[in-house]
Amino acid sequence: MKTKEGMKQYVEQVSKKNDWILNMDSNTFNDLIDGLVDNFQKYGYQSCPCRLASGSRELDRDLICPCDYAPLDVKEHGACYCNLYMRNDFYETIKKDYINVPERRPVEKENAVLEYFNE
């Protein structure tokens, strides 16, 4: 997962395992893969590229892709927060390239990350 190719293989495996599809927009998809690779190289784990990571695996555990919130987001909204993972019928039923998914991460977790930066 240290390379773009490795990360692509990883997210493909995740999507197949969960019966999801991946974002079909090549620019969005590649930006998300680049973000995951950057975070993996920086932190040692593939933290969600759309959220603030602390660099502390313990604080960021819920954000390791696929994040803890992805299954419910995909089920309820059709896509995860980043729009990397999508329901199989996303493009047929939602008919958009991107949707805004509400943040599920508790404010307390986000505040803990901010406090970690201030220590």
PDB file of N, CA and C in Angstrom:
ATOM      1  N   MET A   1       0.813  -1.205   0.000  1.00  0.00           N
ATOM      2  CA  MET A   1       0.000   0.000   0.000  1.00  0.00           C
ATOM      3  C   MET A   1       0.852   1.264   0.000  1.00  0.00           C
ATOM      4  N   LYS A   2       2.137   1.075  -0.069  1.00  0.00           N
ATOM      5  CA  LYS A   2       3.031   2.226  -0.103  1.00  0.00           C
ATOM      6  C   LYS A   2       3.060   2.876  -1.481  1.00  0.00           C
ATOM      7  N   THR A   3       2.516   2.185  -2.475  1.00  0.00           N
ATOM      8  CA  THR A   3       2.494   2.711  -3.836  1.00  0.00           C
ATOM      9  C   THR A   3       1.056   2.918  -4.285  1.00  0.00           C
ATOM     10  N   LYS A   4       0.914   3.699  -5.325  1.00  0.00           N
ATOM     11  CA  LYS A   4      -0.412   3.955  -5.882  1.00  0.00           C
ATOM     12  C   LYS A   4      -1.039   2.647  -6.376  1.00  0.00           C
ATOM     13  N   GLU A   5      -0.244   1.820  -7.038  1.00  0.00           N
ATOM     14  CA  GLU A   5      -0.748   0.541  -7.543  1.00  0.00           C
ATOM     15  C   GLU A   5      -1.179  -0.370  -6.397  1.00  0.00           C
ATOM     16  N   GLY A   6      -0.381  -0.417  -5.351  1.00  0.00           N
ATOM     17  CA  GLY A   6      -0.722  -1.232  -4.189  1.00  0.00           C
ATOM     18  C   GLY A   6      -1.991  -0.755  -3.510  1.00  0.00           C
ATOM     19  N   MET A   7      -2.165   0.561  -3.413  1.00  0.00           N
ATOM     20  CA  MET A   7      -3.366   1.114  -2.781  1.00  0.00           C
ATOM     21  C   MET A   7      -4.591   0.841  -3.637  1.00  0.00           C
ATOM     22  N   LYS A   8      -4.439   0.918  -4.950  1.00  0.00           N
ATOM     23  CA  LYS A   8      -5.564   0.603  -5.838  1.00  0.00           C
ATOM     24  C   LYS A   8      -6.005  -0.843  -5.635  1.00  0.00           C
ATOM     25  N   GLN A   9      -5.045  -1.748  -5.533  1.00  0.00           N
ATOM     26  CA  GLN A   9      -5.383  -3.156  -5.301  1.00  0.00           C
ATOM     27  C   GLN A   9      -6.096  -3.321  -3.966  1.00  0.00           C
ATOM     28  N   TYR A  10      -5.617  -2.611  -2.959  1.00  0.00           N
ATOM     29  CA  TYR A  10      -6.235  -2.687  -1.635  1.00  0.00           C
ATOM     30  C   TYR A  10      -7.702  -2.223  -1.677  1.00  0.00           C
ATOM     31  N   VAL A  11      -7.961  -1.052  -2.260  1.00  0.00           N
ATOM     32  CA  VAL A  11      -9.337  -0.538  -2.266  1.00  0.00           C
ATOM     33  C   VAL A  11     -10.243  -1.402  -3.148  1.00  0.00           C
ATOM     34  N   GLU A  12      -9.686  -2.004  -4.187  1.00  0.00           N
ATOM     35  CA  GLU A  12     -10.471  -2.925  -5.012  1.00  0.00           C
ATOM     36  C   GLU A  12     -10.882  -4.144  -4.194  1.00  0.00           C
ATOM     37  N   GLN A  13      -9.969  -4.677  -3.397  1.00  0.00           N
ATOM     38  CA  GLN A  13     -10.290  -5.819  -2.543  1.00  0.00           C
ATOM     39  C   GLN A  13     -11.360  -5.450  -1.522  1.00  0.00           C
ATOM     40  N   VAL A  14     -11.209  -4.274  -0.921  1.00  0.00           N
ATOM     41  CA  VAL A  14     -12.198  -3.810   0.065  1.00  0.00           C
ATOM     42  C   VAL A  14     -13.571  -3.677  -0.587  1.00  0.00           C
ATOM     43  N   SER A  15     -13.610  -3.086  -1.766  1.00  0.00           N
ATOM     44  CA  SER A  15     -14.899  -2.879  -2.428  1.00  0.00           C
ATOM     45  C   SER A  15     -15.555  -4.215  -2.788  1.00  0.00           C
ATOM     46  N   LYS A  16     -14.774  -5.160  -3.274  1.00  0.00           N
ATOM     47  CA  LYS A  16     -15.336  -6.478  -3.611  1.00  0.00           C
ATOM     48  C   LYS A  16     -15.842  -7.196  -2.369  1.00  0.00           C
ATOM     49  N   LYS A  17     -15.061  -7.148  -1.301  1.00  0.00           N
ATOM     50  CA  LYS A  17     -15.441  -7.816  -0.053  1.00  0.00           C
ATOM     51  C   LYS A  17     -16.764  -7.278   0.490  1.00  0.00           C
ATOM     52  N   ASN A  18     -16.997  -5.992   0.323  1.00  0.00           N
ATOM     53  CA  ASN A  18     -18.198  -5.342   0.860  1.00  0.00           C
ATOM     54  C   ASN A  18     -19.328  -5.209  -0.151  1.00  0.00           C
ATOM     55  N   ASP A  19     -19.107  -5.719  -1.360  1.00  0.00           N
ATOM     56  CA  ASP A  19     -20.095  -5.610  -2.428  1.00  0.00           C
ATOM     57  C   ASP A  19     -20.383  -4.151  -2.774  1.00  0.00           C
ATOM     58  N   TRP A  20     -19.311  -3.362  -2.863  1.00  0.00           N
ATOM     59  CA  TRP A  20     -19.382  -1.959  -3.250  1.00  0.00           C
ATOM     60  C   TRP A  20     -18.708  -1.801  -4.596  1.00  0.00           C
ATOM     61  N   ILE A  21     -18.833  -0.604  -5.168  1.00  0.00           N
ATOM     62  CA  ILE A  21     -18.049  -0.227  -6.331  1.00  0.00           C
ATOM     63  C   ILE A  21     -17.166   0.951  -5.931  1.00  0.00           C
ATOM     64  N   LEU A  22     -16.205   1.261  -6.777  1.00  0.00           N
ATOM     65  CA  LEU A  22     -15.322   2.403  -6.534  1.00  0.00           C
ATOM     66  C   LEU A  22     -15.767   3.578  -7.394  1.00  0.00           C
ATOM     67  N   ASN A  23     -15.441   4.769  -6.941  1.00  0.00           N
ATOM     68  CA  ASN A  23     -15.769   5.980  -7.682  1.00  0.00           C
ATOM     69  C   ASN A  23     -15.218   5.869  -9.102  1.00  0.00           C
ATOM     70  N   MET A  24     -16.051   6.134 -10.088  1.00  0.00           N
ATOM     71  CA  MET A  24     -15.657   5.983 -11.491  1.00  0.00           C
ATOM     72  C   MET A  24     -15.032   7.229 -12.097  1.00  0.00           C
ATOM     73  N   ASP A  25     -15.092   8.355 -11.387  1.00  0.00           N
ATOM     74  CA  ASP A  25     -14.463   9.566 -11.900  1.00  0.00           C
ATOM     75  C   ASP A  25     -12.957   9.452 -11.671  1.00  0.00           C
ATOM     76  N   SER A  26     -12.191   9.388 -12.733  1.00  0.00           N
ATOM     77  CA  SER A  26     -10.757   9.114 -12.612  1.00  0.00           C
ATOM     78  C   SER A  26     -10.012  10.186 -11.821  1.00  0.00           C
ATOM     79  N   ASN A  27     -10.384  11.446 -11.953  1.00  0.00           N
ATOM     80  CA  ASN A  27      -9.705  12.510 -11.193  1.00  0.00           C
ATOM     81  C   ASN A  27      -9.962  12.358  -9.698  1.00  0.00           C
ATOM     82  N   THR A  28     -11.225  12.172  -9.332  1.00  0.00           N
ATOM     83  CA  THR A  28     -11.575  12.005  -7.920  1.00  0.00           C
ATOM     84  C   THR A  28     -10.919  10.748  -7.363  1.00  0.00           C
ATOM     85  N   PHE A  29     -11.050   9.644  -8.093  1.00  0.00           N
ATOM     86  CA  PHE A  29     -10.473   8.373  -7.653  1.00  0.00           C
ATOM     87  C   PHE A  29      -8.972   8.506  -7.430  1.00  0.00           C
ATOM     88  N   ASN A  30      -8.265   9.070  -8.395  1.00  0.00           N
ATOM     89  CA  ASN A  30      -6.813   9.200  -8.276  1.00  0.00           C
ATOM     90  C   ASN A  30      -6.405  10.143  -7.151  1.00  0.00           C
ATOM     91  N   ASP A  31      -7.162  11.212  -6.944  1.00  0.00           N
ATOM     92  CA  ASP A  31      -6.877  12.114  -5.817  1.00  0.00           C
ATOM     93  C   ASP A  31      -7.023  11.381  -4.485  1.00  0.00           C
ATOM     94  N   LEU A  32      -8.064  10.568  -4.361  1.00  0.00           N
ATOM     95  CA  LEU A  32      -8.280   9.815  -3.124  1.00  0.00           C
ATOM     96  C   LEU A  32      -7.184   8.772  -2.914  1.00  0.00           C
ATOM     97  N   ILE A  33      -6.798   8.088  -3.973  1.00  0.00           N
ATOM     98  CA  ILE A  33      -5.710   7.104  -3.870  1.00  0.00           C
ATOM     99  C   ILE A  33      -4.414   7.802  -3.477  1.00  0.00           C
ATOM    100  N   ASP A  34      -4.135   8.936  -4.095  1.00  0.00           N
ATOM    101  CA  ASP A  34      -2.922   9.700  -3.740  1.00  0.00           C
ATOM    102  C   ASP A  34      -2.946  10.094  -2.269  1.00  0.00           C
ATOM    103  N   GLY A  35      -4.108  10.531  -1.782  1.00  0.00           N
ATOM    104  CA  GLY A  35      -4.245  10.904  -0.377  1.00  0.00           C
ATOM    105  C   GLY A  35      -4.022   9.729   0.556  1.00  0.00           C
ATOM    106  N   LEU A  36      -4.556   8.576   0.193  1.00  0.00           N
ATOM    107  CA  LEU A  36      -4.357   7.371   1.009  1.00  0.00           C
ATOM    108  C   LEU A  36      -2.884   6.963   1.029  1.00  0.00           C
ATOM    109  N   VAL A  37      -2.226   7.017  -0.121  1.00  0.00           N
ATOM    110  CA  VAL A  37      -0.802   6.668  -0.195  1.00  0.00           C
ATOM    111  C   VAL A  37       0.018   7.663   0.619  1.00  0.00           C
ATOM    112  N   ASP A  38      -0.275   8.948   0.472  1.00  0.00           N
ATOM    113  CA  ASP A  38       0.444   9.972   1.246  1.00  0.00           C
ATOM    114  C   ASP A  38       0.294   9.724   2.743  1.00  0.00           C
ATOM    115  N   ASN A  39      -0.925   9.448   3.172  1.00  0.00           N
ATOM    116  CA  ASN A  39      -1.160   9.202   4.597  1.00  0.00           C
ATOM    117  C   ASN A  39      -0.471   7.928   5.062  1.00  0.00           C
ATOM    118  N   PHE A  40      -0.460   6.901   4.218  1.00  0.00           N
ATOM    119  CA  PHE A  40       0.220   5.659   4.584  1.00  0.00           C
ATOM    120  C   PHE A  40       1.719   5.905   4.738  1.00  0.00           C
ATOM    121  N   GLN A  41       2.286   6.672   3.827  1.00  0.00           N
ATOM    122  CA  GLN A  41       3.720   6.968   3.907  1.00  0.00           C
ATOM    123  C   GLN A  41       4.042   7.868   5.103  1.00  0.00           C
ATOM    124  N   LYS A  42       3.144   8.766   5.413  1.00  0.00           N
ATOM    125  CA  LYS A  42       3.360   9.712   6.519  1.00  0.00           C
ATOM    126  C   LYS A  42       3.120   9.078   7.885  1.00  0.00           C
ATOM    127  N   TYR A  43       2.031   8.284   8.007  1.00  0.00           N
ATOM    128  CA  TYR A  43       1.618   7.767   9.307  1.00  0.00           C
ATOM    129  C   TYR A  43       1.845   6.267   9.500  1.00  0.00           C
ATOM    130  N   GLY A  44       2.008   5.537   8.390  1.00  0.00           N
ATOM    131  CA  GLY A  44       2.149   4.089   8.500  1.00  0.00           C
ATOM    132  C   GLY A  44       0.825   3.360   8.408  1.00  0.00           C
ATOM    133  N   TYR A  45      -0.244   4.080   8.097  1.00  0.00           N
ATOM    134  CA  TYR A  45      -1.575   3.497   7.901  1.00  0.00           C
ATOM    135  C   TYR A  45      -2.358   4.409   6.967  1.00  0.00           C
ATOM    136  N   GLN A  46      -3.335   3.815   6.282  1.00  0.00           N
ATOM    137  CA  GLN A  46      -4.097   4.530   5.260  1.00  0.00           C
ATOM    138  C   GLN A  46      -5.266   5.288   5.886  1.00  0.00           C
ATOM    139  N   SER A  47      -4.941   6.407   6.502  1.00  0.00           N
ATOM    140  CA  SER A  47      -5.968   7.249   7.110  1.00  0.00           C
ATOM    141  C   SER A  47      -6.818   7.907   6.020  1.00  0.00           C
ATOM    142  N   CYS A  48      -8.084   8.058   6.308  1.00  0.00           N
ATOM    143  CA  CYS A  48      -9.027   8.706   5.397  1.00  0.00           C
ATOM    144  C   CYS A  48      -8.434  10.020   4.888  1.00  0.00           C
ATOM    145  N   PRO A  49      -8.370  10.201   3.566  1.00  0.00           N
ATOM    146  CA  PRO A  49      -7.771  11.422   3.027  1.00  0.00           C
ATOM    147  C   PRO A  49      -8.681  12.642   3.138  1.00  0.00           C
ATOM    148  N   CYS A  50      -9.908  12.445   3.545  1.00  0.00           N
ATOM    149  CA  CYS A  50     -10.885  13.532   3.608  1.00  0.00           C
ATOM    150  C   CYS A  50     -11.093  14.076   5.016  1.00  0.00           C
ATOM    151  N   ARG A  51     -10.333  13.533   5.957  1.00  0.00           N
ATOM    152  CA  ARG A  51     -10.498  13.950   7.348  1.00  0.00           C
ATOM    153  C   ARG A  51      -9.139  14.257   7.956  1.00  0.00           C
ATOM    154  N   LEU A  52      -9.170  14.981   9.056  1.00  0.00           N
ATOM    155  CA  LEU A  52      -7.947  15.364   9.758  1.00  0.00           C
ATOM    156  C   LEU A  52      -7.431  14.193  10.584  1.00  0.00           C
ATOM    157  N   ALA A  53      -6.240  13.725  10.240  1.00  0.00           N
ATOM    158  CA  ALA A  53      -5.602  12.648  10.990  1.00  0.00           C
ATOM    159  C   ALA A  53      -4.559  13.249  11.925  1.00  0.00           C
ATOM    160  N   SER A  54      -4.349  12.583  13.051  1.00  0.00           N
ATOM    161  CA  SER A  54      -3.406  13.089  14.048  1.00  0.00           C
ATOM    162  C   SER A  54      -2.004  12.524  13.874  1.00  0.00           C
ATOM    163  N   GLY A  55      -1.935  11.331  13.310  1.00  0.00           N
ATOM    164  CA  GLY A  55      -0.656  10.627  13.270  1.00  0.00           C
ATOM    165  C   GLY A  55      -0.548   9.634  14.417  1.00  0.00           C
ATOM    166  N   SER A  56      -1.495   9.669  15.335  1.00  0.00           N
ATOM    167  CA  SER A  56      -1.579   8.696  16.416  1.00  0.00           C
ATOM    168  C   SER A  56      -2.556   7.614  15.968  1.00  0.00           C
ATOM    169  N   ARG A  57      -2.036   6.412  15.769  1.00  0.00           N
ATOM    170  CA  ARG A  57      -2.889   5.314  15.286  1.00  0.00           C
ATOM    171  C   ARG A  57      -4.099   5.105  16.209  1.00  0.00           C
ATOM    172  N   GLU A  58      -3.884   5.242  17.495  1.00  0.00           N
ATOM    173  CA  GLU A  58      -4.978   5.041  18.450  1.00  0.00           C
ATOM    174  C   GLU A  58      -6.094   6.068  18.233  1.00  0.00           C
ATOM    175  N   LEU A  59      -5.726   7.336  18.048  1.00  0.00           N
ATOM    176  CA  LEU A  59      -6.735   8.373  17.820  1.00  0.00           C
ATOM    177  C   LEU A  59      -7.393   8.246  16.450  1.00  0.00           C
ATOM    178  N   ASP A  60      -6.627   7.753  15.477  1.00  0.00           N
ATOM    179  CA  ASP A  60      -7.114   7.695  14.104  1.00  0.00           C
ATOM    180  C   ASP A  60      -7.710   6.345  13.725  1.00  0.00           C
ATOM    181  N   ARG A  61      -7.739   5.408  14.652  1.00  0.00           N
ATOM    182  CA  ARG A  61      -8.183   4.047  14.335  1.00  0.00           C
ATOM    183  C   ARG A  61      -9.517   4.024  13.584  1.00  0.00           C
ATOM    184  N   ASP A  62     -10.444   4.907  13.953  1.00  0.00           N
ATOM    185  CA  ASP A  62     -11.756   4.922  13.299  1.00  0.00           C
ATOM    186  C   ASP A  62     -11.708   5.478  11.876  1.00  0.00           C
ATOM    187  N   LEU A  63     -10.569   6.083  11.506  1.00  0.00           N
ATOM    188  CA  LEU A  63     -10.431   6.688  10.183  1.00  0.00           C
ATOM    189  C   LEU A  63      -9.586   5.870   9.216  1.00  0.00           C
ATOM    190  N   ILE A  64      -9.128   4.700   9.648  1.00  0.00           N
ATOM    191  CA  ILE A  64      -8.320   3.873   8.755  1.00  0.00           C
ATOM    192  C   ILE A  64      -9.238   3.288   7.686  1.00  0.00           C
ATOM    193  N   CYS A  65      -8.901   3.546   6.451  1.00  0.00           N
ATOM    194  CA  CYS A  65      -9.733   3.188   5.299  1.00  0.00           C
ATOM    195  C   CYS A  65      -9.836   1.678   5.123  1.00  0.00           C
ATOM    196  N   PRO A  66     -11.063   1.159   4.997  1.00  0.00           N
ATOM    197  CA  PRO A  66     -12.313   1.898   5.034  1.00  0.00           C
ATOM    198  C   PRO A  66     -12.651   2.280   6.472  1.00  0.00           C
ATOM    199  N   CYS A  67     -12.992   3.510   6.668  1.00  0.00           N
ATOM    200  CA  CYS A  67     -13.250   4.003   8.022  1.00  0.00           C
ATOM    201  C   CYS A  67     -14.442   3.279   8.647  1.00  0.00           C
ATOM    202  N   ASP A  68     -14.549   3.404   9.943  1.00  0.00           N
ATOM    203  CA  ASP A  68     -15.643   2.757  10.679  1.00  0.00           C
ATOM    204  C   ASP A  68     -17.022   3.232  10.214  1.00  0.00           C
ATOM    205  N   TYR A  69     -17.074   4.399   9.598  1.00  0.00           N
ATOM    206  CA  TYR A  69     -18.342   5.006   9.229  1.00  0.00           C
ATOM    207  C   TYR A  69     -18.788   4.646   7.809  1.00  0.00           C
ATOM    208  N   ALA A  70     -17.880   4.083   7.016  1.00  0.00           N
ATOM    209  CA  ALA A  70     -18.167   3.794   5.604  1.00  0.00           C
ATOM    210  C   ALA A  70     -19.354   2.848   5.400  1.00  0.00           C
ATOM    211  N   PRO A  71     -19.442   1.717   6.103  1.00  0.00           N
ATOM    212  CA  PRO A  71     -20.559   0.807   5.819  1.00  0.00           C
ATOM    213  C   PRO A  71     -21.940   1.460   5.977  1.00  0.00           C
ATOM    214  N   LEU A  72     -22.125   2.206   7.044  1.00  0.00           N
ATOM    215  CA  LEU A  72     -23.423   2.848   7.254  1.00  0.00           C
ATOM    216  C   LEU A  72     -23.644   3.997   6.261  1.00  0.00           C
ATOM    217  N   ASP A  73     -22.579   4.736   5.952  1.00  0.00           N
ATOM    218  CA  ASP A  73     -22.695   5.812   4.958  1.00  0.00           C
ATOM    219  C   ASP A  73     -23.103   5.256   3.600  1.00  0.00           C
ATOM    220  N   VAL A  74     -22.435   4.184   3.179  1.00  0.00           N
ATOM    221  CA  VAL A  74     -22.764   3.584   1.878  1.00  0.00           C
ATOM    222  C   VAL A  74     -24.198   3.069   1.891  1.00  0.00           C
ATOM    223  N   LYS A  75     -24.580   2.441   2.977  1.00  0.00           N
ATOM    224  CA  LYS A  75     -25.944   1.902   3.078  1.00  0.00           C
ATOM    225  C   LYS A  75     -26.995   3.017   3.049  1.00  0.00           C
ATOM    226  N   GLU A  76     -26.783   4.064   3.834  1.00  0.00           N
ATOM    227  CA  GLU A  76     -27.788   5.126   3.956  1.00  0.00           C
ATOM    228  C   GLU A  76     -27.745   6.164   2.848  1.00  0.00           C
ATOM    229  N   HIS A  77     -26.529   6.524   2.407  1.00  0.00           N
ATOM    230  CA  HIS A  77     -26.396   7.632   1.459  1.00  0.00           C
ATOM    231  C   HIS A  77     -25.965   7.192   0.064  1.00  0.00           C
ATOM    232  N   GLY A  78     -25.477   5.965  -0.039  1.00  0.00           N
ATOM    233  CA  GLY A  78     -25.032   5.473  -1.335  1.00  0.00           C
ATOM    234  C   GLY A  78     -23.537   5.569  -1.543  1.00  0.00           C
ATOM    235  N   ALA A  79     -22.847   6.308  -0.668  1.00  0.00           N
ATOM    236  CA  ALA A  79     -21.395   6.476  -0.784  1.00  0.00           C
ATOM    237  C   ALA A  79     -20.808   6.762   0.588  1.00  0.00           C
ATOM    238  N   CYS A  80     -19.529   6.489   0.711  1.00  0.00           N
ATOM    239  CA  CYS A  80     -18.840   6.847   1.953  1.00  0.00           C
ATOM    240  C   CYS A  80     -18.558   8.347   1.951  1.00  0.00           C
ATOM    241  N   TYR A  81     -18.052   8.855   3.048  1.00  0.00           N
ATOM    242  CA  TYR A  81     -17.794  10.286   3.219  1.00  0.00           C
ATOM    243  C   TYR A  81     -16.946  10.861   2.088  1.00  0.00           C
ATOM    244  N   CYS A  82     -15.931  10.121   1.659  1.00  0.00           N
ATOM    245  CA  CYS A  82     -15.023  10.569   0.589  1.00  0.00           C
ATOM    246  C   CYS A  82     -15.582  10.338  -0.804  1.00  0.00           C
ATOM    247  N   ASN A  83     -16.596   9.503  -0.890  1.00  0.00           N
ATOM    248  CA  ASN A  83     -17.134   9.064  -2.175  1.00  0.00           C
ATOM    249  C   ASN A  83     -16.171   8.135  -2.910  1.00  0.00           C
ATOM    250  N   LEU A  84     -15.311   7.455  -2.176  1.00  0.00           N
ATOM    251  CA  LEU A  84     -14.444   6.445  -2.785  1.00  0.00           C
ATOM    252  C   LEU A  84     -15.236   5.160  -2.987  1.00  0.00           C
ATOM    253  N   TYR A  85     -15.906   4.722  -1.929  1.00  0.00           N
ATOM    254  CA  TYR A  85     -16.717   3.506  -1.974  1.00  0.00           C
ATOM    255  C   TYR A  85     -18.183   3.882  -2.166  1.00  0.00           C
ATOM    256  N   MET A  86     -18.851   3.121  -3.038  1.00  0.00           N
ATOM    257  CA  MET A  86     -20.241   3.423  -3.357  1.00  0.00           C
ATOM    258  C   MET A  86     -21.051   2.138  -3.447  1.00  0.00           C
ATOM    259  N   ARG A  87     -22.349   2.292  -3.243  1.00  0.00           N
ATOM    260  CA  ARG A  87     -23.254   1.162  -3.459  1.00  0.00           C
ATOM    261  C   ARG A  87     -23.163   0.728  -4.914  1.00  0.00           C
ATOM    262  N   ASN A  88     -23.400  -0.551  -5.143  1.00  0.00           N
ATOM    263  CA  ASN A  88     -23.338  -1.081  -6.514  1.00  0.00           C
ATOM    264  C   ASN A  88     -24.251  -0.343  -7.488  1.00  0.00           C
ATOM    265  N   ASP A  89     -25.371   0.156  -6.993  1.00  0.00           N
ATOM    266  CA  ASP A  89     -26.331   0.830  -7.866  1.00  0.00           C
ATOM    267  C   ASP A  89     -26.228   2.357  -7.812  1.00  0.00           C
ATOM    268  N   PHE A  90     -25.131   2.860  -7.276  1.00  0.00           N
ATOM    269  CA  PHE A  90     -24.984   4.304  -7.064  1.00  0.00           C
ATOM    270  C   PHE A  90     -25.275   5.113  -8.329  1.00  0.00           C
ATOM    271  N   TYR A  91     -24.601   4.791  -9.406  1.00  0.00           N
ATOM    272  CA  TYR A  91     -24.726   5.599 -10.625  1.00  0.00           C
ATOM    273  C   TYR A  91     -26.098   5.442 -11.290  1.00  0.00           C
ATOM    274  N   GLU A  92     -26.737   4.305 -11.091  1.00  0.00           N
ATOM    275  CA  GLU A  92     -28.065   4.087 -11.671  1.00  0.00           C
ATOM    276  C   GLU A  92     -29.163   4.764 -10.846  1.00  0.00           C
ATOM    277  N   THR A  93     -29.004   4.794  -9.528  1.00  0.00           N
ATOM    278  CA  THR A  93     -30.074   5.331  -8.675  1.00  0.00           C
ATOM    279  C   THR A  93     -29.843   6.776  -8.260  1.00  0.00           C
ATOM    280  N   ILE A  94     -28.618   7.139  -7.961  1.00  0.00           N
ATOM    281  CA  ILE A  94     -28.330   8.496  -7.487  1.00  0.00           C
ATOM    282  C   ILE A  94     -28.081   9.434  -8.668  1.00  0.00           C
ATOM    283  N   LYS A  95     -27.491   8.905  -9.715  1.00  0.00           N
ATOM    284  CA  LYS A  95     -27.285   9.630 -10.975  1.00  0.00           C
ATOM    285  C   LYS A  95     -26.489  10.913 -10.803  1.00  0.00           C
ATOM    286  N   LYS A  96     -25.483  10.859  -9.947  1.00  0.00           N
ATOM    287  CA  LYS A  96     -24.557  11.972  -9.744  1.00  0.00           C
ATOM    288  C   LYS A  96     -23.157  11.402  -9.686  1.00  0.00           C
ATOM    289  N   ASP A  97     -22.182  12.258  -9.887  1.00  0.00           N
ATOM    290  CA  ASP A  97     -20.791  11.815  -9.780  1.00  0.00           C
ATOM    291  C   ASP A  97     -20.285  11.893  -8.347  1.00  0.00           C
ATOM    292  N   TYR A  98     -20.919  12.768  -7.557  1.00  0.00           N
ATOM    293  CA  TYR A  98     -20.448  13.009  -6.192  1.00  0.00           C
ATOM    294  C   TYR A  98     -21.626  13.463  -5.340  1.00  0.00           C
ATOM    295  N   ILE A  99     -21.669  13.006  -4.095  1.00  0.00           N
ATOM    296  CA  ILE A  99     -22.692  13.487  -3.167  1.00  0.00           C
ATOM    297  C   ILE A  99     -22.023  13.918  -1.866  1.00  0.00           C
ATOM    298  N   ASN A 100     -22.647  14.824  -1.178  1.00  0.00           N
ATOM    299  CA  ASN A 100     -22.168  15.233   0.144  1.00  0.00           C
ATOM    300  C   ASN A 100     -22.759  14.287   1.176  1.00  0.00           C
ATOM    301  N   VAL A 101     -21.888  13.624   1.901  1.00  0.00           N
ATOM    302  CA  VAL A 101     -22.301  12.699   2.951  1.00  0.00           C
ATOM    303  C   VAL A 101     -22.047  13.391   4.289  1.00  0.00           C
ATOM    304  N   PRO A 102     -23.036  13.463   5.152  1.00  0.00           N
ATOM    305  CA  PRO A 102     -22.845  14.129   6.443  1.00  0.00           C
ATOM    306  C   PRO A 102     -21.753  13.437   7.273  1.00  0.00           C
ATOM    307  N   GLU A 103     -21.041  14.235   8.033  1.00  0.00           N
ATOM    308  CA  GLU A 103     -19.975  13.711   8.902  1.00  0.00           C
ATOM    309  C   GLU A 103     -20.592  12.919  10.042  1.00  0.00           C
ATOM    310  N   ARG A 104     -20.124  11.700  10.236  1.00  0.00           N
ATOM    311  CA  ARG A 104     -20.581  10.829  11.320  1.00  0.00           C
ATOM    312  C   ARG A 104     -19.590  10.792  12.474  1.00  0.00           C
ATOM    313  N   ARG A 105     -18.388  11.196  12.214  1.00  0.00           N
ATOM    314  CA  ARG A 105     -17.379  11.099  13.271  1.00  0.00           C
ATOM    315  C   ARG A 105     -17.785  12.007  14.430  1.00  0.00           C
ATOM    316  N   PRO A 106     -17.824  11.454  15.636  1.00  0.00           N
ATOM    317  CA  PRO A 106     -18.229  12.264  16.790  1.00  0.00           C
ATOM    318  C   PRO A 106     -17.294  13.459  17.002  1.00  0.00           C
ATOM    319  N   VAL A 107     -17.873  14.556  17.401  1.00  0.00           N
ATOM    320  CA  VAL A 107     -17.116  15.780  17.652  1.00  0.00           C
ATOM    321  C   VAL A 107     -16.014  15.528  18.686  1.00  0.00           C
ATOM    322  N   GLU A 108     -16.274  14.657  19.648  1.00  0.00           N
ATOM    323  CA  GLU A 108     -15.283  14.356  20.685  1.00  0.00           C
ATOM    324  C   GLU A 108     -14.008  13.772  20.073  1.00  0.00           C
ATOM    325  N   LYS A 109     -14.156  12.953  19.061  1.00  0.00           N
ATOM    326  CA  LYS A 109     -12.980  12.362  18.405  1.00  0.00           C
ATOM    327  C   LYS A 109     -12.213  13.435  17.641  1.00  0.00           C
ATOM    328  N   GLU A 110     -12.924  14.290  16.968  1.00  0.00           N
ATOM    329  CA  GLU A 110     -12.285  15.390  16.236  1.00  0.00           C
ATOM    330  C   GLU A 110     -11.568  16.323  17.213  1.00  0.00           C
ATOM    331  N   ASN A 111     -12.199  16.617  18.328  1.00  0.00           N
ATOM    332  CA  ASN A 111     -11.566  17.469  19.343  1.00  0.00           C
ATOM    333  C   ASN A 111     -10.321  16.818  19.931  1.00  0.00           C
ATOM    334  N   ALA A 112     -10.347  15.504  20.102  1.00  0.00           N
ATOM    335  CA  ALA A 112      -9.181  14.787  20.626  1.00  0.00           C
ATOM    336  C   ALA A 112      -7.999  14.919  19.673  1.00  0.00           C
ATOM    337  N   VAL A 113      -8.264  14.902  18.378  1.00  0.00           N
ATOM    338  CA  VAL A 113      -7.200  15.089  17.386  1.00  0.00           C
ATOM    339  C   VAL A 113      -6.630  16.501  17.498  1.00  0.00           C
ATOM    340  N   LEU A 114      -7.500  17.480  17.615  1.00  0.00           N
ATOM    341  CA  LEU A 114      -7.040  18.870  17.741  1.00  0.00           C
ATOM    342  C   LEU A 114      -6.230  19.075  19.021  1.00  0.00           C
ATOM    343  N   GLU A 115      -6.662  18.455  20.099  1.00  0.00           N
ATOM    344  CA  GLU A 115      -5.919  18.538  21.362  1.00  0.00           C
ATOM    345  C   GLU A 115      -4.554  17.869  21.225  1.00  0.00           C
ATOM    346  N   TYR A 116      -4.499  16.766  20.505  1.00  0.00           N
ATOM    347  CA  TYR A 116      -3.249  16.049  20.281  1.00  0.00           C
ATOM    348  C   TYR A 116      -2.235  16.950  19.578  1.00  0.00           C
ATOM    349  N   PHE A 117      -2.702  17.761  18.625  1.00  0.00           N
ATOM    350  CA  PHE A 117      -1.818  18.686  17.907  1.00  0.00           C
ATOM    351  C   PHE A 117      -1.294  19.784  18.827  1.00  0.00           C
ATOM    352  N   ASN A 118      -2.089  20.161  19.827  1.00  0.00           N
ATOM    353  CA  ASN A 118      -1.701  21.255  20.723  1.00  0.00           C
ATOM    354  C   ASN A 118      -0.816  20.821  21.890  1.00  0.00           C
ATOM    355  N   GLU A 119      -0.576  19.520  21.994  1.00  0.00           N
ATOM    356  CA  GLU A 119       0.257  19.031  23.121  1.00  0.00           C
ATOM    357  C   GLU A 119       1.718  19.306  22.888  1.00  0.00           C
TER     358      GLU A 119
END
